Amino acid sequence: MEIARLTGLKCLSPTRSTAPNKTEWPSEDQVKEFEAEISRLTNLVEQKTKELEDLAFTLEEERANAQCLEERVKELEAQCTEQQKSINDDIPEIRHNSLPRFAVPLPLSSYSGAF
């Protein structure tokens, strides 16, 4: 009955005519039309159900991929933080140990005309 209402099909149950004891049944052609329409709608529901299942599967795959990417981003952020800390810890030591070796006194005459 719900399918009939949604699709505009007439009810398959017998209907009473004007005479109280006379029942009219759908013709054979009408029954075939109803069956064809029901078959078409059933196939459509099955197709849409399959599409929905495929989309649900794809969604789960994408969620899993997103979770893996989030975990990888966290790992990389931790590595960057650790690397930055290491650099910050090493800079004073590098300045203290390396810069005096590279500091070469230049005579003031070498600066004349350079600027």
N, C-alpha and C. Protein backbone atom coordinates (compact mmCIF):
# COMPACT_ATOMS: atom_id res chain seq x y z
N MET A 1 0.83 -1.18 0.00
CA MET A 1 0.00 0.00 0.00
C MET A 1 0.88 1.25 0.00
N GLU A 2 1.97 1.21 0.79
CA GLU A 2 2.87 2.37 0.86
C GLU A 2 3.55 2.60 -0.49
N ILE A 3 3.97 1.53 -1.15
CA ILE A 3 4.57 1.67 -2.48
C ILE A 3 3.58 2.29 -3.43
N ALA A 4 2.35 1.83 -3.37
CA ALA A 4 1.31 2.39 -4.25
C ALA A 4 1.14 3.88 -3.99
N ARG A 5 1.14 4.27 -2.74
CA ARG A 5 0.96 5.68 -2.41
C ARG A 5 2.15 6.51 -2.91
N LEU A 6 3.35 6.00 -2.70
CA LEU A 6 4.55 6.74 -3.08
C LEU A 6 4.71 6.85 -4.60
N THR A 7 4.30 5.81 -5.29
CA THR A 7 4.50 5.79 -6.75
C THR A 7 3.28 6.23 -7.53
N GLY A 8 2.19 6.44 -6.86
CA GLY A 8 0.98 6.83 -7.56
C GLY A 8 0.23 5.66 -8.16
N LEU A 9 0.65 4.44 -7.81
CA LEU A 9 -0.05 3.26 -8.32
C LEU A 9 -1.38 3.11 -7.59
N LYS A 10 -2.32 2.56 -8.29
CA LYS A 10 -3.61 2.28 -7.66
C LYS A 10 -3.48 1.03 -6.81
N CYS A 11 -4.26 0.96 -5.81
CA CYS A 11 -4.24 -0.17 -4.89
C CYS A 11 -4.55 -1.47 -5.64
N LEU A 12 -3.83 -2.55 -5.28
CA LEU A 12 -4.05 -3.83 -5.93
C LEU A 12 -5.25 -4.59 -5.36
N SER A 13 -5.77 -4.13 -4.27
CA SER A 13 -6.91 -4.84 -3.68
C SER A 13 -8.16 -4.59 -4.52
N PRO A 14 -9.08 -5.53 -4.46
CA PRO A 14 -10.31 -5.36 -5.25
C PRO A 14 -11.09 -4.14 -4.76
N THR A 15 -11.78 -3.51 -5.69
CA THR A 15 -12.59 -2.34 -5.33
C THR A 15 -14.05 -2.65 -5.56
N ARG A 16 -14.88 -2.09 -4.78
CA ARG A 16 -16.33 -2.29 -4.92
C ARG A 16 -16.86 -1.31 -5.96
N SER A 17 -17.69 -1.81 -6.81
CA SER A 17 -18.35 -0.92 -7.77
C SER A 17 -19.62 -0.39 -7.10
N THR A 18 -20.42 0.21 -7.88
CA THR A 18 -21.66 0.78 -7.32
C THR A 18 -22.57 -0.31 -6.78
N ALA A 19 -22.51 -1.48 -7.37
CA ALA A 19 -23.34 -2.58 -6.85
C ALA A 19 -22.65 -3.16 -5.62
N PRO A 20 -23.35 -3.36 -4.52
CA PRO A 20 -22.74 -3.78 -3.26
C PRO A 20 -22.09 -5.15 -3.31
N ASN A 21 -22.53 -6.06 -4.11
CA ASN A 21 -21.98 -7.41 -4.13
C ASN A 21 -21.02 -7.66 -5.29
N LYS A 22 -20.73 -6.66 -6.07
CA LYS A 22 -19.88 -6.85 -7.25
C LYS A 22 -18.47 -6.32 -6.93
N THR A 23 -17.45 -7.14 -7.18
CA THR A 23 -16.07 -6.76 -6.95
C THR A 23 -15.35 -6.66 -8.28
N GLU A 24 -14.59 -5.57 -8.48
CA GLU A 24 -13.80 -5.41 -9.71
C GLU A 24 -12.33 -5.68 -9.38
N TRP A 25 -11.77 -6.57 -10.14
CA TRP A 25 -10.36 -6.87 -9.98
C TRP A 25 -9.58 -6.15 -11.07
N PRO A 26 -8.30 -5.84 -10.81
CA PRO A 26 -7.50 -5.21 -11.86
C PRO A 26 -7.38 -6.16 -13.05
N SER A 27 -7.28 -5.58 -14.22
CA SER A 27 -7.13 -6.40 -15.43
C SER A 27 -5.73 -7.03 -15.43
N GLU A 28 -5.57 -8.01 -16.32
CA GLU A 28 -4.29 -8.68 -16.44
C GLU A 28 -3.19 -7.69 -16.85
N ASP A 29 -3.52 -6.77 -17.73
CA ASP A 29 -2.55 -5.76 -18.16
C ASP A 29 -2.16 -4.85 -16.99
N GLN A 30 -3.13 -4.50 -16.17
CA GLN A 30 -2.83 -3.66 -15.01
C GLN A 30 -1.91 -4.40 -14.03
N VAL A 31 -2.19 -5.68 -13.84
CA VAL A 31 -1.35 -6.48 -12.94
C VAL A 31 0.07 -6.53 -13.47
N LYS A 32 0.23 -6.73 -14.79
CA LYS A 32 1.57 -6.77 -15.39
C LYS A 32 2.27 -5.42 -15.24
N GLU A 33 1.52 -4.33 -15.40
CA GLU A 33 2.09 -3.00 -15.20
C GLU A 33 2.55 -2.82 -13.75
N PHE A 34 1.71 -3.26 -12.83
CA PHE A 34 2.06 -3.16 -11.41
C PHE A 34 3.32 -3.98 -11.11
N GLU A 35 3.34 -5.20 -11.63
CA GLU A 35 4.50 -6.06 -11.40
C GLU A 35 5.77 -5.45 -11.99
N ALA A 36 5.66 -4.88 -13.19
CA ALA A 36 6.81 -4.24 -13.82
C ALA A 36 7.29 -3.04 -13.00
N GLU A 37 6.34 -2.26 -12.52
CA GLU A 37 6.69 -1.09 -11.71
C GLU A 37 7.32 -1.52 -10.38
N ILE A 38 6.78 -2.55 -9.77
CA ILE A 38 7.35 -3.05 -8.52
C ILE A 38 8.76 -3.59 -8.77
N SER A 39 8.95 -4.29 -9.87
CA SER A 39 10.27 -4.81 -10.22
C SER A 39 11.25 -3.67 -10.45
N ARG A 40 10.82 -2.64 -11.17
CA ARG A 40 11.68 -1.48 -11.43
C ARG A 40 12.07 -0.80 -10.12
N LEU A 41 11.08 -0.61 -9.25
CA LEU A 41 11.35 0.04 -7.97
C LEU A 41 12.25 -0.81 -7.08
N THR A 42 12.04 -2.13 -7.11
CA THR A 42 12.89 -3.03 -6.34
C THR A 42 14.34 -2.95 -6.83
N ASN A 43 14.52 -2.96 -8.15
CA ASN A 43 15.86 -2.84 -8.71
C ASN A 43 16.50 -1.50 -8.34
N LEU A 44 15.71 -0.45 -8.37
CA LEU A 44 16.21 0.88 -8.01
C LEU A 44 16.65 0.91 -6.54
N VAL A 45 15.84 0.32 -5.68
CA VAL A 45 16.20 0.26 -4.25
C VAL A 45 17.48 -0.55 -4.06
N GLU A 46 17.59 -1.67 -4.76
CA GLU A 46 18.80 -2.49 -4.65
C GLU A 46 20.02 -1.73 -5.15
N GLN A 47 19.88 -1.00 -6.27
CA GLN A 47 20.98 -0.21 -6.81
C GLN A 47 21.40 0.88 -5.83
N LYS A 48 20.43 1.60 -5.29
CA LYS A 48 20.73 2.68 -4.35
C LYS A 48 21.34 2.13 -3.06
N THR A 49 20.88 0.96 -2.64
CA THR A 49 21.45 0.32 -1.45
C THR A 49 22.91 -0.04 -1.69
N LYS A 50 23.20 -0.59 -2.88
CA LYS A 50 24.59 -0.93 -3.23
C LYS A 50 25.45 0.33 -3.26
N GLU A 51 24.94 1.41 -3.86
CA GLU A 51 25.68 2.66 -3.91
C GLU A 51 25.95 3.18 -2.50
N LEU A 52 24.96 3.07 -1.64
CA LEU A 52 25.11 3.52 -0.25
C LEU A 52 26.17 2.68 0.48
N GLU A 53 26.15 1.37 0.26
CA GLU A 53 27.15 0.50 0.88
C GLU A 53 28.54 0.85 0.39
N ASP A 54 28.68 1.11 -0.92
CA ASP A 54 29.98 1.50 -1.48
C ASP A 54 30.46 2.82 -0.88
N LEU A 55 29.56 3.77 -0.75
CA LEU A 55 29.93 5.06 -0.16
C LEU A 55 30.32 4.91 1.30
N ALA A 56 29.61 4.07 2.02
CA ALA A 56 29.94 3.83 3.43
C ALA A 56 31.33 3.20 3.56
N PHE A 57 31.64 2.26 2.66
CA PHE A 57 32.96 1.63 2.66
C PHE A 57 34.04 2.66 2.35
N THR A 58 33.80 3.49 1.33
CA THR A 58 34.76 4.54 0.97
C THR A 58 34.96 5.51 2.12
N LEU A 59 33.88 5.86 2.79
CA LEU A 59 33.97 6.76 3.93
C LEU A 59 34.85 6.17 5.02
N GLU A 60 34.68 4.90 5.31
CA GLU A 60 35.50 4.25 6.33
C GLU A 60 36.97 4.23 5.92
N GLU A 61 37.24 3.95 4.63
CA GLU A 61 38.62 3.98 4.15
C GLU A 61 39.22 5.37 4.31
N GLU A 62 38.46 6.39 3.94
CA GLU A 62 38.95 7.77 4.04
C GLU A 62 39.18 8.17 5.49
N ARG A 63 38.31 7.73 6.38
CA ARG A 63 38.52 8.01 7.81
C ARG A 63 39.80 7.36 8.30
N ALA A 64 40.05 6.12 7.88
CA ALA A 64 41.27 5.43 8.29
C ALA A 64 42.50 6.17 7.74
N ASN A 65 42.43 6.59 6.47
CA ASN A 65 43.54 7.34 5.88
C ASN A 65 43.76 8.65 6.61
N ALA A 66 42.68 9.34 6.94
CA ALA A 66 42.79 10.61 7.65
C ALA A 66 43.43 10.40 9.02
N GLN A 67 43.05 9.33 9.68
CA GLN A 67 43.63 9.05 11.00
C GLN A 67 45.13 8.78 10.87
N CYS A 68 45.52 8.02 9.86
CA CYS A 68 46.95 7.76 9.63
C CYS A 68 47.70 9.06 9.36
N LEU A 69 47.09 9.92 8.55
CA LEU A 69 47.73 11.20 8.25
C LEU A 69 47.85 12.06 9.51
N GLU A 70 46.83 12.07 10.33
CA GLU A 70 46.89 12.83 11.58
C GLU A 70 48.01 12.32 12.47
N GLU A 71 48.15 11.01 12.56
CA GLU A 71 49.21 10.43 13.37
C GLU A 71 50.58 10.80 12.80
N ARG A 72 50.71 10.77 11.48
CA ARG A 72 51.98 11.12 10.84
C ARG A 72 52.31 12.59 11.08
N VAL A 73 51.31 13.46 10.99
CA VAL A 73 51.52 14.89 11.25
C VAL A 73 52.01 15.08 12.68
N LYS A 74 51.42 14.38 13.63
CA LYS A 74 51.86 14.50 15.02
C LYS A 74 53.31 14.03 15.18
N GLU A 75 53.66 12.94 14.50
CA GLU A 75 55.04 12.46 14.55
C GLU A 75 56.00 13.50 14.00
N LEU A 76 55.64 14.07 12.85
CA LEU A 76 56.51 15.08 12.23
C LEU A 76 56.61 16.34 13.09
N GLU A 77 55.51 16.74 13.70
CA GLU A 77 55.55 17.90 14.59
C GLU A 77 56.47 17.63 15.77
N ALA A 78 56.40 16.42 16.33
CA ALA A 78 57.28 16.07 17.44
C ALA A 78 58.74 16.08 17.00
N GLN A 79 59.01 15.57 15.80
CA GLN A 79 60.38 15.59 15.28
C GLN A 79 60.87 17.02 15.08
N CYS A 80 60.00 17.88 14.55
CA CYS A 80 60.37 19.28 14.35
C CYS A 80 60.65 19.96 15.68
N THR A 81 59.83 19.70 16.67
CA THR A 81 60.03 20.29 17.99
C THR A 81 61.36 19.82 18.58
N GLU A 82 61.62 18.53 18.46
CA GLU A 82 62.88 17.98 18.97
C GLU A 82 64.08 18.56 18.22
N GLN A 83 63.95 18.69 16.91
CA GLN A 83 65.05 19.26 16.11
C GLN A 83 65.28 20.72 16.49
N GLN A 84 64.21 21.49 16.68
CA GLN A 84 64.34 22.89 17.07
C GLN A 84 65.01 23.00 18.43
N LYS A 85 64.62 22.12 19.35
CA LYS A 85 65.24 22.13 20.68
C LYS A 85 66.73 21.81 20.57
N SER A 86 67.05 20.83 19.74
CA SER A 86 68.45 20.45 19.55
C SER A 86 69.25 21.61 18.96
N ILE A 87 68.66 22.29 17.99
CA ILE A 87 69.34 23.44 17.37
C ILE A 87 69.55 24.54 18.41
N ASN A 88 68.50 24.84 19.16
CA ASN A 88 68.60 25.88 20.19
C ASN A 88 69.64 25.52 21.25
N ASP A 89 69.74 24.23 21.58
CA ASP A 89 70.75 23.79 22.56
C ASP A 89 72.15 23.87 21.98
N ASP A 90 72.30 23.61 20.68
CA ASP A 90 73.62 23.57 20.05
C ASP A 90 74.15 24.95 19.69
N ILE A 91 73.30 25.93 19.45
CA ILE A 91 73.76 27.25 18.99
C ILE A 91 74.74 27.89 19.97
N PRO A 92 74.45 27.95 21.26
CA PRO A 92 75.44 28.57 22.16
C PRO A 92 76.78 27.84 22.14
N GLU A 93 76.74 26.52 22.08
CA GLU A 93 77.98 25.75 22.04
C GLU A 93 78.75 26.03 20.75
N ILE A 94 78.04 26.11 19.65
CA ILE A 94 78.69 26.38 18.36
C ILE A 94 79.31 27.77 18.38
N ARG A 95 78.59 28.74 18.87
CA ARG A 95 79.12 30.11 18.94
C ARG A 95 80.37 30.16 19.83
N HIS A 96 80.28 29.46 20.93
CA HIS A 96 81.40 29.50 21.87
C HIS A 96 82.64 28.81 21.30
N ASN A 97 82.45 27.67 20.66
CA ASN A 97 83.59 26.87 20.19
C ASN A 97 84.08 27.27 18.81
N SER A 98 83.22 27.69 17.93
CA SER A 98 83.60 27.85 16.53
C SER A 98 83.95 29.27 16.15
N LEU A 99 83.26 30.23 16.66
CA LEU A 99 83.46 31.60 16.20
C LEU A 99 84.86 32.14 16.43
N PRO A 100 85.50 31.88 17.55
CA PRO A 100 86.86 32.43 17.71
C PRO A 100 87.83 31.93 16.63
N ARG A 101 87.68 30.75 16.15
CA ARG A 101 88.58 30.24 15.10
C ARG A 101 88.41 31.01 13.81
N PHE A 102 87.19 31.47 13.52
CA PHE A 102 86.95 32.17 12.27
C PHE A 102 87.19 33.67 12.39
N ALA A 103 87.33 34.15 13.58
CA ALA A 103 87.54 35.58 13.77
C ALA A 103 89.00 35.90 13.43
N VAL A 104 89.20 36.53 12.31
CA VAL A 104 90.54 36.92 11.87
C VAL A 104 90.61 38.44 11.93
N PRO A 105 91.53 38.98 12.68
CA PRO A 105 91.63 40.44 12.74
C PRO A 105 92.08 41.00 11.40
N LEU A 106 91.36 41.97 10.94
CA LEU A 106 91.71 42.62 9.67
C LEU A 106 92.23 44.02 9.99
N PRO A 107 93.22 44.44 9.25
CA PRO A 107 93.70 45.81 9.46
C PRO A 107 92.63 46.80 9.00
N LEU A 108 92.56 47.93 9.64
CA LEU A 108 91.56 48.94 9.30
C LEU A 108 91.70 49.42 7.86
N SER A 109 92.86 49.36 7.30
CA SER A 109 93.05 49.82 5.92
C SER A 109 92.28 48.97 4.92
N SER A 110 91.98 47.74 5.25
CA SER A 110 91.24 46.89 4.32
C SER A 110 89.79 47.32 4.19
N TYR A 111 89.29 48.12 5.13
CA TYR A 111 87.92 48.58 5.06
C TYR A 111 87.78 49.85 4.23
N SER A 112 88.83 50.55 3.98
CA SER A 112 88.71 51.82 3.26
C SER A 112 88.28 51.57 1.82
N GLY A 113 87.29 52.30 1.42
CA GLY A 113 86.79 52.19 0.06
C GLY A 113 85.86 51.02 -0.17
N ALA A 114 85.72 50.17 0.77
CA ALA A 114 84.83 49.03 0.60
C ALA A 114 83.38 49.45 0.70
N PHE A 115 83.11 50.53 1.42
CA PHE A 115 81.72 50.96 1.58
C PHE A 115 81.50 52.22 0.85
